[in-house]
Protein backbone atom coordinates (compact mmCIF):
# COMPACT_ATOMS: atom_id res chain seq x y z
CA MET A 1 25.76 -22.47 6.68
CA TRP A 2 23.34 -21.70 9.36
CA ILE A 3 26.38 -20.39 11.77
CA ILE A 4 27.37 -18.04 9.03
CA TYR A 5 23.42 -16.78 8.60
CA LEU A 6 23.62 -16.49 12.80
CA VAL A 7 26.75 -14.60 12.78
CA ALA A 8 25.83 -11.95 10.16
CA VAL A 9 22.23 -11.51 11.94
CA LYS A 10 24.28 -11.03 15.26
CA TRP A 11 26.58 -8.47 13.83
CA TYR A 12 23.73 -6.82 12.18
CA GLY A 13 21.95 -6.74 15.76
CA LEU A 14 25.54 -5.16 17.33
CA PHE A 15 26.19 -2.71 14.45
CA ILE A 16 22.13 -1.49 15.03
CA TYR A 17 22.94 -0.94 19.17
CA LEU A 18 26.21 0.80 18.29
CA PHE A 19 24.58 3.07 15.86
CA SER A 20 21.36 3.89 18.39
CA PHE A 21 23.92 6.56 20.44
CA PHE A 22 23.71 8.66 16.83
CA ASN A 23 21.16 7.78 15.07
CA HIS A 24 16.90 7.94 16.47
CA LYS A 25 15.67 5.14 14.90
CA ALA A 26 18.14 2.72 15.59
CA LYS A 27 17.72 4.39 19.11
CA GLN A 28 14.48 3.10 18.93
CA TRP A 29 14.54 -0.41 17.04
CA VAL A 30 17.02 -1.05 20.33
CA ALA A 31 14.64 -0.03 23.19
CA GLY A 32 11.56 -1.30 21.94
CA ARG A 33 13.28 -4.66 21.87
CA LYS A 34 13.98 -4.53 25.26
CA ASN A 35 12.08 -6.52 27.71
CA ILE A 36 9.89 -7.86 24.85
CA PHE A 37 9.87 -11.55 25.86
CA ARG A 38 8.72 -10.30 29.59
CA ASN A 39 6.15 -8.05 27.90
CA LEU A 40 5.26 -10.73 25.27
CA SER A 41 4.45 -13.08 28.24
CA GLU A 42 2.78 -10.59 30.32
CA GLN A 43 0.12 -9.84 27.29
CA LEU A 44 -0.12 -13.42 25.93
CA SER A 45 -0.93 -15.06 29.34
CA ASN A 46 -4.07 -16.18 28.15
CA LYS A 47 -2.89 -19.66 26.69
CA ARG A 48 -6.16 -20.55 25.29
CA GLU A 49 -6.38 -17.72 22.74
CA LYS A 50 -6.09 -18.60 19.26
CA ARG A 51 -4.04 -15.97 17.71
CA PHE A 52 -2.94 -15.38 14.23
CA TRP A 53 0.67 -13.69 13.63
CA PHE A 54 1.09 -11.20 10.81
CA HIS A 55 4.44 -10.06 10.36
CA CYS A 56 6.03 -7.24 8.48
CA ALA A 57 9.01 -5.14 7.53
CA SER A 58 7.91 -1.67 7.90
CA LEU A 59 4.58 0.15 7.32
CA GLY A 60 5.36 0.14 3.71
CA GLU A 61 5.01 -3.52 4.10
CA TYR A 62 1.78 -3.35 6.42
CA GLU A 63 0.00 -0.96 4.10
CA GLN A 64 1.20 -3.70 1.22
CA GLY A 65 -0.69 -6.60 3.23
CA LYS A 66 -3.57 -4.70 5.01
CA PRO A 67 -6.10 -5.83 2.87
CA VAL A 68 -4.95 -9.43 3.07
CA PHE A 69 -5.07 -8.55 7.46
CA ASP A 70 -8.30 -7.13 7.26
CA ALA A 71 -9.84 -10.03 5.54
CA LEU A 72 -8.19 -13.01 7.61
CA LYS A 73 -9.93 -10.85 10.60
CA GLU A 74 -13.38 -10.41 9.40
CA LYS A 75 -13.36 -13.97 8.36
CA TYR A 76 -12.25 -15.88 11.64
CA PRO A 77 -13.16 -12.75 13.89
CA ASP A 78 -12.76 -15.35 16.86
CA TYR A 79 -8.95 -15.25 16.26
CA LYS A 80 -6.80 -12.44 18.29
CA THR A 81 -4.47 -10.93 15.76
CA LEU A 82 -0.72 -10.17 16.70
CA LEU A 83 1.20 -8.14 14.82
CA THR A 84 4.77 -7.58 14.76
CA PHE A 85 7.55 -5.26 12.70
CA PHE A 86 11.06 -5.71 12.08
CA SER A 87 11.43 -1.63 11.63
CA PRO A 88 10.46 0.94 14.07
CA SER A 89 8.88 2.73 10.41
CA GLY A 90 6.15 0.47 11.13
CA TYR A 91 5.53 -0.37 14.87
CA GLU A 92 6.26 3.42 16.21
CA VAL A 93 3.22 4.55 13.98
CA LEU A 94 0.83 1.70 14.38
CA LYS A 95 1.73 1.03 18.52
CA SER A 96 -1.09 2.82 19.74
CA LYS A 97 -4.00 2.14 17.17
CA PRO A 98 -6.10 -0.21 17.42
CA GLU A 99 -5.21 -2.05 14.26
CA ALA A 100 -4.53 -5.56 15.56
CA ASP A 101 -4.97 -7.17 19.60
CA TYR A 102 -1.37 -7.32 19.62
CA ILE A 103 1.64 -5.26 18.37
CA PHE A 104 5.12 -5.67 19.15
CA TYR A 105 8.84 -5.59 17.32
CA LEU A 106 9.92 -8.77 16.17
CA PRO A 107 12.95 -10.56 18.03
CA LEU A 108 16.00 -10.57 16.32
CA ASP A 109 16.50 -14.02 14.51
CA GLY A 110 18.18 -16.87 16.17
CA PRO A 111 16.92 -21.04 16.89
CA LEU A 112 16.30 -20.18 20.91
CA THR A 113 14.77 -16.59 19.90
CA ALA A 114 12.56 -18.15 17.20
CA ARG A 115 11.64 -21.30 19.69
CA ARG A 116 11.03 -18.90 22.58
CA PHE A 117 8.52 -16.10 21.03
CA LEU A 118 6.68 -19.37 19.67
CA ASN A 119 5.98 -20.64 22.90
CA GLU A 120 4.53 -17.48 24.29
CA VAL A 121 2.96 -16.37 20.65
CA SER A 122 1.58 -19.89 19.32
CA PRO A 123 0.32 -19.01 16.44
CA MET A 124 -2.20 -20.98 15.03
CA MET A 125 -0.80 -18.78 11.20
CA ALA A 126 1.99 -17.11 10.18
CA VAL A 127 1.63 -14.25 7.18
CA PHE A 128 5.02 -12.67 6.39
CA VAL A 129 4.35 -9.86 3.68
CA LYS A 130 7.05 -9.27 0.80
CA ASN A 131 10.06 -10.07 1.53
CA GLU A 132 10.67 -11.28 5.30
CA PHE A 133 12.67 -14.34 5.25
CA TRP A 134 14.09 -15.35 8.62
CA HIS A 135 15.47 -19.08 9.07
CA PHE A 136 15.07 -20.14 12.41
CA TYR A 137 11.22 -18.15 12.69
CA ILE A 138 10.47 -20.32 9.18
CA ARG A 139 12.27 -23.17 10.50
CA GLU A 140 10.36 -23.58 13.55
CA LEU A 141 6.63 -22.53 12.46
CA ARG A 142 7.44 -25.55 10.22
CA LYS A 143 8.72 -28.26 12.91
CA ARG A 144 5.35 -27.08 14.81
CA LYS A 145 3.28 -27.52 11.66
CA ILE A 146 1.94 -24.09 11.88
CA PRO A 147 0.85 -22.64 8.22
CA LEU A 148 3.29 -19.96 7.17
CA TYR A 149 1.77 -17.79 4.00
CA ILE A 150 4.14 -15.53 2.52
CA ILE A 151 2.58 -13.05 0.05
CA SER A 152 3.30 -10.07 -2.09
CA ALA A 153 6.31 -11.69 -3.09
CA ARG A 154 8.41 -10.87 -6.33
CA PHE A 155 11.60 -12.91 -7.31
CA ARG A 156 14.68 -12.37 -9.62
CA LYS A 157 16.62 -15.00 -11.25
CA GLY A 158 19.75 -13.40 -9.76
CA GLN A 159 18.62 -13.41 -6.06
CA ILE A 160 20.81 -15.69 -3.51
CA PHE A 161 17.53 -18.42 -3.57
CA PHE A 162 18.37 -19.25 -6.91
CA ARG A 163 22.33 -18.84 -6.91
CA TRP A 164 23.68 -22.58 -6.66
CA TYR A 165 25.20 -21.48 -3.14
CA GLY A 166 21.53 -20.48 -2.59
CA LYS A 167 20.75 -24.22 -0.69
CA PHE A 168 20.63 -22.74 2.34
CA PHE A 169 18.07 -19.92 0.95
CA GLU A 170 16.07 -21.67 -1.02
CA LYS A 171 15.09 -24.14 2.12
CA MET A 172 13.36 -20.90 3.64
CA LEU A 173 11.07 -21.36 -0.19
CA ARG A 174 10.81 -24.36 0.49
CA ARG A 175 9.52 -24.61 4.21
CA ALA A 176 6.43 -21.96 3.66
CA SER A 177 3.08 -23.21 3.50
CA HIS A 178 2.26 -21.35 0.30
CA ILE A 179 3.37 -18.52 -1.60
CA PHE A 180 2.05 -15.84 -3.55
CA ALA A 181 3.46 -13.97 -5.88
CA GLN A 182 3.13 -10.77 -7.97
CA ASP A 183 3.77 -11.78 -11.21
CA GLN A 184 4.36 -14.87 -13.48
CA ARG A 185 8.13 -14.25 -13.54
CA SER A 186 8.21 -15.73 -9.86
CA LEU A 187 6.13 -18.19 -10.95
CA GLU A 188 8.81 -19.09 -13.91
CA ILE A 189 11.98 -18.85 -11.39
CA PHE A 190 10.14 -20.91 -9.12
CA TYR A 191 9.26 -23.97 -11.53
CA ASP A 192 12.93 -23.84 -13.30
CA SER A 193 14.25 -24.02 -9.27
CA GLY A 194 11.96 -27.01 -9.02
CA LEU A 195 10.00 -25.56 -6.78
CA ALA A 196 6.07 -25.48 -7.08
CA ASN A 197 4.66 -24.00 -3.71
CA ILE A 198 3.43 -20.94 -5.22
CA THR A 199 0.51 -18.80 -6.82
CA VAL A 200 0.59 -15.72 -9.00
CA SER A 201 -2.29 -13.73 -7.46
CA GLY A 202 -1.05 -10.36 -7.92
CA ASP A 203 -0.17 -7.41 -5.87
CA THR A 204 -2.07 -6.87 -3.02
CA ARG A 205 -1.00 -2.90 -2.69
CA PHE A 206 -3.70 -2.87 -5.85
CA ASP A 207 -6.42 -3.47 -3.23
CA ARG A 208 -5.46 -1.45 -0.43
CA VAL A 209 -4.97 1.80 -3.01
CA PHE A 210 -8.51 0.54 -4.00
CA GLN A 211 -9.45 0.75 -0.49
CA ASN A 212 -7.73 3.71 0.24
CA PHE A 213 -9.71 5.22 -2.61
CA GLN A 214 -13.13 4.09 -1.41
CA ARG A 215 -12.59 5.35 2.34
CA ALA A 216 -10.67 8.54 1.60
CA LYS A 217 -11.72 10.94 4.27
CA SER A 218 -12.27 14.63 4.29
CA PHE A 219 -10.63 17.15 6.06
CA PRO A 220 -12.61 20.45 6.14
CA GLU A 221 -9.28 22.74 6.44
CA ILE A 222 -7.36 21.39 3.42
CA GLU A 223 -10.37 21.62 1.61
CA LYS A 224 -10.66 25.32 2.83
CA PHE A 225 -6.99 26.03 1.50
CA CYS A 226 -7.60 24.60 -1.73
CA GLU A 227 -10.54 26.42 -2.51
CA GLY A 228 -9.85 28.00 -6.39
CA LYS A 229 -7.12 26.30 -6.80
CA LYS A 230 -5.16 24.07 -8.73
CA ILE A 231 -3.27 21.47 -6.28
CA LEU A 232 -0.45 19.33 -7.25
CA ILE A 233 0.04 17.03 -4.86
CA ALA A 234 3.69 15.85 -3.68
CA GLY A 235 3.90 12.55 -1.41
CA SER A 236 6.98 11.11 0.20
CA THR A 237 9.57 13.54 -1.35
CA TRP A 238 12.87 13.77 -0.89
CA GLU A 239 15.15 16.96 -0.77
CA GLU A 240 16.34 16.13 -4.53
CA ASP A 241 12.58 15.93 -5.44
CA GLU A 242 11.50 19.10 -3.55
CA LYS A 243 14.21 20.97 -5.84
CA VAL A 244 12.02 20.13 -8.58
CA ILE A 245 9.12 20.89 -6.66
CA SER A 246 10.08 24.63 -5.43
CA GLY A 247 11.19 24.72 -9.63
CA PHE A 248 7.97 24.02 -10.61
CA PHE A 249 6.44 26.31 -8.13
CA GLU A 250 8.59 29.53 -8.74
CA SER A 251 7.56 29.01 -12.66
CA ALA A 252 3.80 28.07 -12.13
CA SER A 253 1.08 30.68 -12.36
CA VAL A 254 -0.76 32.62 -9.52
CA ASP A 255 -3.71 29.76 -9.21
CA TRP A 256 -2.04 26.82 -8.28
CA LYS A 257 -1.03 25.96 -4.48
CA LEU A 258 1.00 22.98 -3.18
CA ILE A 259 0.85 20.25 -0.63
CA ILE A 260 4.09 18.67 -0.05
CA ALA A 261 4.27 15.55 2.51
CA PRO A 262 7.66 14.34 2.76
CA HIS A 263 9.04 10.66 3.15
CA ASP A 264 10.98 12.68 6.89
CA ILE A 265 8.86 14.52 8.98
CA SER A 266 11.44 15.34 11.22
CA GLU A 267 11.77 18.94 12.25
CA SER A 268 15.50 19.72 10.13
CA ARG A 269 13.68 18.17 7.24
CA LEU A 270 10.75 20.75 7.55
CA PHE A 271 12.66 23.89 8.49
CA ALA A 272 14.10 23.02 5.09
CA ILE A 273 11.32 22.96 3.51
CA GLU A 274 10.22 26.32 5.34
CA GLN A 275 13.25 27.83 4.34
CA LYS A 276 12.97 26.63 0.35
CA PHE A 277 9.28 28.37 0.34
CA GLN A 278 10.02 31.23 2.65
CA THR A 279 7.20 32.90 3.67
CA LYS A 280 4.44 30.89 1.19
CA VAL A 281 4.63 27.84 3.27
CA ILE A 282 2.33 27.07 6.56
CA ARG A 283 2.35 23.35 8.67
CA HIS A 284 -0.64 21.80 9.01
CA SER A 285 -0.84 21.65 12.56
CA THR A 286 -1.08 25.20 12.09
CA LEU A 287 -3.29 25.84 9.58
CA LYS A 288 -5.66 28.84 10.10
CA ASN A 289 -5.31 31.33 7.22
CA TYR A 290 -6.02 30.46 4.45
CA ASN A 291 -5.51 32.94 1.81
CA HIS A 292 -1.80 33.77 2.21
CA GLN A 293 -0.26 31.13 2.09
CA SER A 294 -0.01 28.91 -1.03
CA VAL A 295 2.31 25.89 0.24
CA LEU A 296 1.17 23.75 2.68
CA LEU A 297 3.91 21.48 4.40
CA ILE A 298 2.08 18.12 6.15
CA ASP A 299 4.07 17.48 8.75
CA ASN A 300 1.98 14.06 10.46
CA ILE A 301 2.13 10.62 9.13
CA GLY A 302 -0.74 9.11 7.89
CA MET A 303 -3.03 11.74 5.86
CA LEU A 304 -1.31 11.23 2.32
CA ALA A 305 -3.64 8.42 1.41
CA SER A 306 -6.39 10.33 1.48
CA LEU A 307 -5.16 14.03 0.39
CA TYR A 308 -4.97 12.53 -3.44
CA ARG A 309 -8.44 13.58 -3.09
CA TYR A 310 -7.80 17.11 -3.27
CA GLY A 311 -5.12 16.97 -5.74
CA HIS A 312 -5.31 17.67 -9.65
CA TYR A 313 -1.79 16.50 -10.09
CA ALA A 314 0.73 13.88 -8.31
CA TYR A 315 4.17 14.23 -8.13
CA ILE A 316 5.72 11.15 -5.60
CA GLY A 317 9.28 11.21 -4.01
CA GLY A 318 12.06 8.78 -4.44
CA GLY A 319 12.66 8.81 -8.13
CA PHE A 320 16.00 10.58 -8.04
CA GLY A 321 17.22 7.96 -5.47
CA LYS A 322 17.15 4.08 -4.84
CA GLY A 323 13.64 3.51 -3.72
CA LEU A 324 10.46 4.88 -5.77
CA HIS A 325 7.77 5.84 -3.23
CA ASN A 326 4.33 4.83 -3.95
CA ILE A 327 2.87 5.70 -7.48
CA LEU A 328 -0.12 4.04 -7.08
CA GLU A 329 -2.04 6.13 -4.27
CA PRO A 330 -2.45 9.08 -6.60
CA ALA A 331 -3.60 6.52 -9.83
CA ALA A 332 -6.24 5.15 -7.94
CA PHE A 333 -7.75 9.19 -7.77
CA GLY A 334 -7.27 9.17 -11.86
CA LEU A 335 -4.17 12.13 -10.63
CA PRO A 336 -1.41 12.43 -13.71
CA VAL A 337 1.67 11.36 -11.81
CA PHE A 338 4.98 12.70 -12.19
CA PHE A 339 8.18 11.14 -10.36
CA GLY A 340 12.16 11.51 -10.79
CA PRO A 341 14.15 9.55 -13.13
CA HIS A 342 14.79 6.09 -11.46
CA TYR A 343 12.08 4.23 -11.99
CA SER A 344 12.76 0.98 -14.36
CA ASN A 345 12.94 -1.30 -11.49
CA PHE A 346 9.33 -0.67 -10.45
CA PRO A 347 6.90 -2.52 -12.63
CA GLU A 348 4.27 -0.10 -12.04
CA ALA A 349 6.20 2.83 -12.79
CA ARG A 350 6.85 1.51 -16.16
CA GLU A 351 4.02 0.25 -17.65
CA LEU A 352 2.12 3.60 -16.18
CA VAL A 353 4.93 5.76 -18.61
CA LYS A 354 4.40 2.84 -21.14
CA MET A 355 0.66 3.72 -20.94
CA GLY A 356 1.47 7.63 -21.00
CA THR A 357 -0.69 8.28 -18.13
CA ALA A 358 2.91 8.78 -15.97
CA PHE A 359 5.76 10.60 -16.65
CA SER A 360 9.00 11.29 -15.74
CA VAL A 361 10.77 14.32 -15.38
CA ASN A 362 14.41 15.60 -14.18
CA SER A 363 13.80 19.39 -13.49
CA GLY A 364 10.51 21.92 -12.12
CA VAL A 365 11.03 23.72 -15.51
CA GLU A 366 10.36 20.19 -17.06
CA LEU A 367 7.40 19.27 -14.56
CA ASN A 368 6.18 23.01 -15.64
CA GLY A 369 6.17 22.56 -19.08
CA LYS A 370 4.25 19.05 -19.23
CA ILE A 371 1.70 19.82 -16.74
CA ALA A 372 1.11 23.06 -18.70
CA GLU A 373 0.56 20.96 -21.93
CA LEU A 374 -2.01 18.84 -20.03
CA GLU A 375 -3.95 21.98 -19.04
CA ASN A 376 -3.98 22.91 -22.66
CA HIS A 377 -5.20 19.16 -23.78
CA GLU A 378 -8.41 18.19 -22.01
CA GLN A 379 -9.17 15.34 -23.80
CA LEU A 380 -6.13 14.07 -22.92
CA LEU A 381 -5.77 14.82 -20.06
CA GLN A 382 -8.99 13.20 -19.54
CA LYS A 383 -7.75 9.69 -20.99
CA ILE A 384 -5.06 9.70 -18.57
CA ILE A 385 -7.26 10.39 -15.28
CA ASN A 386 -9.60 7.16 -16.98
CA GLY A 387 -6.15 5.36 -18.03
CA ASN A 388 -5.09 5.56 -14.30
CA LYS A 389 -8.71 4.43 -12.74
CA ASN A 390 -8.91 1.63 -14.89
CA TYR A 391 -4.93 0.37 -14.36
CA ILE A 392 -6.20 0.33 -10.92
CA GLN A 393 -9.35 -1.66 -10.99
CA SER A 394 -8.01 -4.59 -13.60
CA ASN A 395 -5.11 -5.26 -11.45
CA LYS A 396 -7.31 -5.49 -8.08
CA GLY A 397 -8.38 -8.26 -6.51
CA ALA A 398 -4.82 -10.12 -5.57
CA SER A 399 -6.31 -10.59 -1.48
CA ALA A 400 -9.52 -12.56 -2.89
CA VAL A 401 -7.11 -15.17 -4.29
CA ILE A 402 -4.99 -15.20 -1.39
CA MET A 403 -7.80 -15.66 0.83
CA ASN A 404 -9.33 -18.38 -1.18
CA HIS A 405 -6.42 -20.73 -0.96
CA ILE A 406 -5.92 -19.99 2.45
CA GLU A 407 -9.34 -20.54 3.50
CA MET A 408 -9.53 -23.82 1.80
CA ASN A 409 -6.35 -24.90 3.23
CA PHE A 410 -6.41 -23.83 7.08
CA LYS A 411 -7.67 -26.53 9.19
CA GLN A 412 -9.05 -24.36 12.50
CA LYS A 413 -8.28 -26.02 15.48
CA ALA A 414 -10.88 -25.89 18.04
């Protein structure tokens, strides 16, 4: 089975290489791995260093695991931190920031690649976030008796790990030192399969969004833009979401202003949004006149988590596609949250809808009607604000559970 797996991985790498001639992100994926082992050897030449290896698929998983990453750095300050990403969305954003001592792309999985990578890195511990399961890396970590912790994982019965033909993939779970799951359902699935190396810790995203809430940055120019107006923050939007937002804005009162932080900030997408809102829109990078524009377009990455402090309501993108984006960030600030109709695969969205503190909408008219209803019912609005804040408060703590286990079981090497 491992041969089939290896061939599939190699074919995936070949597909990305061919696609890189036409796609910018694929090109980054390929270019970032060029001379990767030479770069590893040069930067990790000090073999006396003690290191943690923290791996994430992309920026979203990094944000999810960051409370644990920060806690490890604080608990073991004499360890160097090595952070790897599979996709450009994480590496390209963080490569020039002091988040870790070393930041690299993860070389594509393979028996020789895994051995060579671990020979260079020599980590004392590895932490993988969420759904990163790479057979040869995990097998090699096990061989070398390097603890591997998988955090914020979530499992379903239909996954290949738990199929009769999935024993090869199930071994990856067994080889992990410990897995920290988001929910009780994952624990039950493990036990039914005869697996026991799992603990329900909860979702570290709650810790992260609460952390963001406490550390939210201030932006004087945005405060000036928002002054005296009702603010709708539209975060991580796609084209379908922007149709809803523009429909809302066309029917909203003159006292409203809109801040849009699209998921894709390529020039073509920014231009398309500008065309939709015409003279009403201004980019953050050119924000000077606060009086004549009523739509602020965020053309950078990194501000959104703090922008919710300026909002009265939030609309989160992805609900017309396959992946709803982070609705917990605005909930931490107590904002009523809106999104498109496709949210059933996201437990936090289902829970907030059931609580009546988040709402699925299909059009700008529907969004406008619901917000108008809340604006006219102050007690209900306050109940929603308190409900969302309490939801975040009551679900945080996963990072402490994970760190308690690591501290009890991780044996430091001299």
